[in-house]
Amino acid sequence: MRDLVPPHETFAPAASRPRRRSLKTPEDPSFWVTMLSFVGMAAALVVVIFALPAGGDQGSFWAFFTGFLVAFAFSGLGNGSTFRQIPVIFREQHMCQGQGQGPEAKAAALKQSEMEAGAVTGCSSAIAAYGFFFIPAMFAATAITNALWMFIGFYATCLALCWWFYARKGAEAPS
């Protein structure tokens, strides 16, 4: 009998998500992959902006197409690394709080971290699903170029927040 390809392996963003530990090492944790995805999405949208027709120029379809494909690939990468980060952050936070208090406290801390990580993952998924409404609404409400620059600004804000809370020296929750 022929092996069927699992549905999760048939979409480009899903295929670009980090698998196992290929992109996560002690020197390169998932928050760095998340930060890389913000930079990659912003850079890809800059390519898209410059590929659009402007001032009598017809633009470049292939640059536009490639820019969006790269943006979607980095979106999948960021999706995978973000959802990898959430349980790790909660587990480390609760395990540090329950450290040295015995096996019962450790088990309770692990259970609490799993419950909180599940809730945050669900809320994050709900907010991410809202993007299917918000992105087309932005394109309808403003000029395409302006909307793309706003998305780039959003990615820059996300990058700054990720750096502030996880990457900088003296961060609240260094990873």
C-alpha atoms as a PDB file:
ATOM      1  CA  MET A   1       0.000   0.000   0.000  1.00  0.00           C
ATOM      2  CA  ARG A   2       1.295   3.437  -0.907  1.00  0.00           C
ATOM      3  CA  ASP A   3       2.271   5.769   1.954  1.00  0.00           C
ATOM      4  CA  LEU A   4       0.222   8.933   2.050  1.00  0.00           C
ATOM      5  CA  VAL A   5       1.793  12.298   2.826  1.00  0.00           C
ATOM      6  CA  PRO A   6       0.457  13.655   6.127  1.00  0.00           C
ATOM      7  CA  PRO A   7      -1.619  16.828   5.649  1.00  0.00           C
ATOM      8  CA  HIS A   8       0.666  18.857   7.934  1.00  0.00           C
ATOM      9  CA  GLU A   9       3.548  18.304   5.508  1.00  0.00           C
ATOM     10  CA  THR A  10       1.737  19.631   2.466  1.00  0.00           C
ATOM     11  CA  PHE A  11       1.740  23.336   3.292  1.00  0.00           C
ATOM     12  CA  ALA A  12       4.806  25.581   2.901  1.00  0.00           C
ATOM     13  CA  PRO A  13       4.469  27.430   6.251  1.00  0.00           C
ATOM     14  CA  ALA A  14       4.036  24.155   8.106  1.00  0.00           C
ATOM     15  CA  ALA A  15       7.029  22.685   6.304  1.00  0.00           C
ATOM     16  CA  SER A  16       9.181  25.637   7.352  1.00  0.00           C
ATOM     17  CA  ARG A  17       8.429  25.220  11.058  1.00  0.00           C
ATOM     18  CA  PRO A  18      11.396  24.055  13.102  1.00  0.00           C
ATOM     19  CA  ARG A  19      11.352  20.289  13.490  1.00  0.00           C
ATOM     20  CA  ARG A  20      12.740  18.510  16.527  1.00  0.00           C
ATOM     21  CA  ARG A  21      15.933  20.301  17.554  1.00  0.00           C
ATOM     22  CA  SER A  22      17.213  21.272  14.110  1.00  0.00           C
ATOM     23  CA  LEU A  23      17.088  24.999  14.869  1.00  0.00           C
ATOM     24  CA  LYS A  24      17.198  24.891  18.676  1.00  0.00           C
ATOM     25  CA  THR A  25      20.482  24.435  20.448  1.00  0.00           C
ATOM     26  CA  PRO A  26      21.630  25.744  23.833  1.00  0.00           C
ATOM     27  CA  GLU A  27      23.473  28.553  22.026  1.00  0.00           C
ATOM     28  CA  ASP A  28      20.536  29.268  19.693  1.00  0.00           C
ATOM     29  CA  PRO A  29      17.242  28.982  21.601  1.00  0.00           C
ATOM     30  CA  SER A  30      13.825  29.331  20.025  1.00  0.00           C
ATOM     31  CA  PHE A  31      13.504  33.010  20.870  1.00  0.00           C
ATOM     32  CA  TRP A  32      16.399  33.697  18.468  1.00  0.00           C
ATOM     33  CA  VAL A  33      14.492  31.845  15.757  1.00  0.00           C
ATOM     34  CA  THR A  34      11.434  33.955  16.609  1.00  0.00           C
ATOM     35  CA  MET A  35      13.512  37.124  16.323  1.00  0.00           C
ATOM     36  CA  LEU A  36      14.955  35.919  13.015  1.00  0.00           C
ATOM     37  CA  SER A  37      11.425  35.363  11.718  1.00  0.00           C
ATOM     38  CA  PHE A  38      10.468  38.985  12.504  1.00  0.00           C
ATOM     39  CA  VAL A  39      13.529  40.265  10.631  1.00  0.00           C
ATOM     40  CA  GLY A  40      12.862  37.898   7.717  1.00  0.00           C
ATOM     41  CA  MET A  41       9.191  38.863   7.409  1.00  0.00           C
ATOM     42  CA  ALA A  42      10.050  42.574   7.514  1.00  0.00           C
ATOM     43  CA  ALA A  43      12.809  42.196   4.910  1.00  0.00           C
ATOM     44  CA  ALA A  44      10.519  40.165   2.648  1.00  0.00           C
ATOM     45  CA  LEU A  45       7.821  42.841   2.850  1.00  0.00           C
ATOM     46  CA  VAL A  46      10.373  45.510   1.909  1.00  0.00           C
ATOM     47  CA  VAL A  47      11.067  43.450  -1.221  1.00  0.00           C
ATOM     48  CA  VAL A  48       7.309  43.279  -1.873  1.00  0.00           C
ATOM     49  CA  ILE A  49       6.970  47.067  -1.496  1.00  0.00           C
ATOM     50  CA  PHE A  50       9.737  47.763  -3.981  1.00  0.00           C
ATOM     51  CA  ALA A  51       8.277  45.179  -6.394  1.00  0.00           C
ATOM     52  CA  LEU A  52       4.929  46.991  -6.560  1.00  0.00           C
ATOM     53  CA  PRO A  53       4.195  49.219  -9.562  1.00  0.00           C
ATOM     54  CA  ALA A  54       4.929  52.871  -8.785  1.00  0.00           C
ATOM     55  CA  GLY A  55       5.356  56.073 -10.786  1.00  0.00           C
ATOM     56  CA  GLY A  56       4.944  54.579 -14.256  1.00  0.00           C
ATOM     57  CA  ASP A  57       7.063  51.534 -13.374  1.00  0.00           C
ATOM     58  CA  GLN A  58       5.230  48.260 -13.932  1.00  0.00           C
ATOM     59  CA  GLY A  59       6.859  46.592 -10.950  1.00  0.00           C
ATOM     60  CA  SER A  60       8.188  43.059 -10.850  1.00  0.00           C
ATOM     61  CA  PHE A  61       5.794  40.147 -10.514  1.00  0.00           C
ATOM     62  CA  TRP A  62       8.544  37.643  -9.696  1.00  0.00           C
ATOM     63  CA  ALA A  63      10.071  39.837  -6.979  1.00  0.00           C
ATOM     64  CA  PHE A  64       6.566  40.388  -5.556  1.00  0.00           C
ATOM     65  CA  PHE A  65       5.791  36.655  -5.663  1.00  0.00           C
ATOM     66  CA  THR A  66       9.146  35.654  -4.177  1.00  0.00           C
ATOM     67  CA  GLY A  67       8.849  38.306  -1.461  1.00  0.00           C
ATOM     68  CA  PHE A  68       5.496  36.949  -0.330  1.00  0.00           C
ATOM     69  CA  LEU A  69       6.710  33.323  -0.451  1.00  0.00           C
ATOM     70  CA  VAL A  70       9.672  34.260   1.744  1.00  0.00           C
ATOM     71  CA  ALA A  71       7.378  36.196   4.101  1.00  0.00           C
ATOM     72  CA  PHE A  72       5.093  33.155   4.428  1.00  0.00           C
ATOM     73  CA  ALA A  73       8.066  30.838   5.019  1.00  0.00           C
ATOM     74  CA  PHE A  74       9.357  33.101   7.809  1.00  0.00           C
ATOM     75  CA  SER A  75       5.803  33.271   9.175  1.00  0.00           C
ATOM     76  CA  GLY A  76       5.761  29.476   9.496  1.00  0.00           C
ATOM     77  CA  LEU A  77       9.183  29.529  11.117  1.00  0.00           C
ATOM     78  CA  GLY A  78       8.017  32.157  13.603  1.00  0.00           C
ATOM     79  CA  ASN A  79       4.816  30.243  14.289  1.00  0.00           C
ATOM     80  CA  GLY A  80       6.704  27.080  15.161  1.00  0.00           C
ATOM     81  CA  SER A  81       9.289  28.818  17.330  1.00  0.00           C
ATOM     82  CA  THR A  82       6.700  30.917  19.166  1.00  0.00           C
ATOM     83  CA  PHE A  83       4.569  27.918  20.046  1.00  0.00           C
ATOM     84  CA  ARG A  84       7.748  26.119  21.136  1.00  0.00           C
ATOM     85  CA  GLN A  85       8.664  29.064  23.372  1.00  0.00           C
ATOM     86  CA  ILE A  86       5.396  29.265  25.296  1.00  0.00           C
ATOM     87  CA  PRO A  87       5.580  25.940  27.200  1.00  0.00           C
ATOM     88  CA  VAL A  88       9.338  26.293  27.739  1.00  0.00           C
ATOM     89  CA  ILE A  89       8.963  29.735  29.327  1.00  0.00           C
ATOM     90  CA  PHE A  90       6.188  28.608  31.671  1.00  0.00           C
ATOM     91  CA  ARG A  91       7.978  25.373  32.582  1.00  0.00           C
ATOM     92  CA  GLU A  92      11.214  27.190  33.450  1.00  0.00           C
ATOM     93  CA  GLN A  93       9.368  29.877  35.411  1.00  0.00           C
ATOM     94  CA  HIS A  94       7.409  27.396  37.540  1.00  0.00           C
ATOM     95  CA  MET A  95      10.271  24.938  37.982  1.00  0.00           C
ATOM     96  CA  CYS A  96      12.477  27.746  39.329  1.00  0.00           C
ATOM     97  CA  GLN A  97       9.743  28.697  41.806  1.00  0.00           C
ATOM     98  CA  GLY A  98       9.360  25.084  42.976  1.00  0.00           C
ATOM     99  CA  GLN A  99      13.082  24.341  43.126  1.00  0.00           C
ATOM    100  CA  GLY A 100      14.287  22.728  46.344  1.00  0.00           C
ATOM    101  CA  GLN A 101      10.778  22.167  47.731  1.00  0.00           C
ATOM    102  CA  GLY A 102      10.528  18.430  47.150  1.00  0.00           C
ATOM    103  CA  PRO A 103       9.034  16.148  44.502  1.00  0.00           C
ATOM    104  CA  GLU A 104       5.410  17.095  45.316  1.00  0.00           C
ATOM    105  CA  ALA A 105       6.129  20.789  44.749  1.00  0.00           C
ATOM    106  CA  LYS A 106       8.009  19.938  41.546  1.00  0.00           C
ATOM    107  CA  ALA A 107       5.046  17.913  40.243  1.00  0.00           C
ATOM    108  CA  ALA A 108       2.620  20.704  41.178  1.00  0.00           C
ATOM    109  CA  ALA A 109       4.839  23.297  39.469  1.00  0.00           C
ATOM    110  CA  LEU A 110       4.995  21.164  36.321  1.00  0.00           C
ATOM    111  CA  LYS A 111       1.205  20.705  36.293  1.00  0.00           C
ATOM    112  CA  GLN A 112       0.633  24.440  36.813  1.00  0.00           C
ATOM    113  CA  SER A 113       3.074  25.298  34.015  1.00  0.00           C
ATOM    114  CA  GLU A 114       1.272  22.940  31.634  1.00  0.00           C
ATOM    115  CA  MET A 115      -2.124  24.480  32.466  1.00  0.00           C
ATOM    116  CA  GLU A 116      -0.871  28.047  32.018  1.00  0.00           C
ATOM    117  CA  ALA A 117       1.044  27.209  28.838  1.00  0.00           C
ATOM    118  CA  GLY A 118      -2.084  25.583  27.406  1.00  0.00           C
ATOM    119  CA  ALA A 119      -4.170  28.660  28.177  1.00  0.00           C
ATOM    120  CA  VAL A 120      -1.624  31.044  26.659  1.00  0.00           C
ATOM    121  CA  THR A 121      -1.209  28.830  23.597  1.00  0.00           C
ATOM    122  CA  GLY A 122      -4.987  28.829  23.092  1.00  0.00           C
ATOM    123  CA  CYS A 123      -5.230  32.616  23.467  1.00  0.00           C
ATOM    124  CA  SER A 124      -2.283  33.099  21.117  1.00  0.00           C
ATOM    125  CA  SER A 125      -3.948  30.864  18.551  1.00  0.00           C
ATOM    126  CA  ALA A 126      -7.179  32.832  18.811  1.00  0.00           C
ATOM    127  CA  ILE A 127      -5.343  36.136  18.326  1.00  0.00           C
ATOM    128  CA  ALA A 128      -3.395  34.683  15.396  1.00  0.00           C
ATOM    129  CA  ALA A 129      -6.640  33.521  13.774  1.00  0.00           C
ATOM    130  CA  TYR A 130      -7.874  37.116  13.914  1.00  0.00           C
ATOM    131  CA  GLY A 131      -5.098  37.948  11.426  1.00  0.00           C
ATOM    132  CA  PHE A 132      -7.181  36.408   8.634  1.00  0.00           C
ATOM    133  CA  PHE A 133      -9.637  39.248   9.188  1.00  0.00           C
ATOM    134  CA  PHE A 134      -7.227  42.013  10.175  1.00  0.00           C
ATOM    135  CA  ILE A 135      -4.771  41.748   7.263  1.00  0.00           C
ATOM    136  CA  PRO A 136      -7.362  42.009   4.448  1.00  0.00           C
ATOM    137  CA  ALA A 137      -9.121  44.759   6.417  1.00  0.00           C
ATOM    138  CA  MET A 138      -5.852  46.724   6.508  1.00  0.00           C
ATOM    139  CA  PHE A 139      -5.464  46.317   2.747  1.00  0.00           C
ATOM    140  CA  ALA A 140      -9.054  47.552   2.243  1.00  0.00           C
ATOM    141  CA  ALA A 141      -8.769  50.479   4.668  1.00  0.00           C
ATOM    142  CA  THR A 142      -5.490  51.973   3.451  1.00  0.00           C
ATOM    143  CA  ALA A 143      -3.149  51.940   0.495  1.00  0.00           C
ATOM    144  CA  ILE A 144      -1.334  48.617   0.047  1.00  0.00           C
ATOM    145  CA  THR A 145       2.077  50.208   0.524  1.00  0.00           C
ATOM    146  CA  ASN A 146       0.987  51.928   3.734  1.00  0.00           C
ATOM    147  CA  ALA A 147      -0.469  48.682   5.086  1.00  0.00           C
ATOM    148  CA  LEU A 148       2.781  46.826   4.318  1.00  0.00           C
ATOM    149  CA  TRP A 149       4.819  49.527   6.105  1.00  0.00           C
ATOM    150  CA  MET A 150       2.485  49.178   9.116  1.00  0.00           C
ATOM    151  CA  PHE A 151       3.122  45.431   9.149  1.00  0.00           C
ATOM    152  CA  ILE A 152       6.866  46.098   9.035  1.00  0.00           C
ATOM    153  CA  GLY A 153       6.424  48.461  12.001  1.00  0.00           C
ATOM    154  CA  PHE A 154       4.493  45.732  13.826  1.00  0.00           C
ATOM    155  CA  TYR A 155       7.299  43.234  13.184  1.00  0.00           C
ATOM    156  CA  ALA A 156       9.845  45.768  14.475  1.00  0.00           C
ATOM    157  CA  THR A 157       7.759  46.211  17.639  1.00  0.00           C
ATOM    158  CA  CYS A 158       7.537  42.426  18.113  1.00  0.00           C
ATOM    159  CA  LEU A 159      11.300  42.143  17.600  1.00  0.00           C
ATOM    160  CA  ALA A 160      11.937  44.852  20.203  1.00  0.00           C
ATOM    161  CA  LEU A 161       9.619  43.201  22.739  1.00  0.00           C
ATOM    162  CA  CYS A 162      11.183  39.780  22.196  1.00  0.00           C
ATOM    163  CA  TRP A 163      14.659  41.253  22.616  1.00  0.00           C
ATOM    164  CA  TRP A 164      13.628  43.240  25.724  1.00  0.00           C
ATOM    165  CA  PHE A 165      12.080  40.332  27.617  1.00  0.00           C
ATOM    166  CA  TYR A 166      14.313  37.447  26.479  1.00  0.00           C
ATOM    167  CA  ALA A 167      17.566  38.442  24.786  1.00  0.00           C
ATOM    168  CA  ARG A 168      19.024  41.562  26.368  1.00  0.00           C
ATOM    169  CA  LYS A 169      21.451  41.485  29.254  1.00  0.00           C
ATOM    170  CA  GLY A 170      19.435  41.680  32.452  1.00  0.00           C
ATOM    171  CA  ALA A 171      16.194  40.555  30.784  1.00  0.00           C
ATOM    172  CA  GLU A 172      13.291  39.553  33.031  1.00  0.00           C
ATOM    173  CA  ALA A 173      13.026  36.043  31.565  1.00  0.00           C
ATOM    174  CA  PRO A 174      16.311  35.328  29.775  1.00  0.00           C
ATOM    175  CA  SER A 175      16.218  32.237  27.620  1.00  0.00           C
END
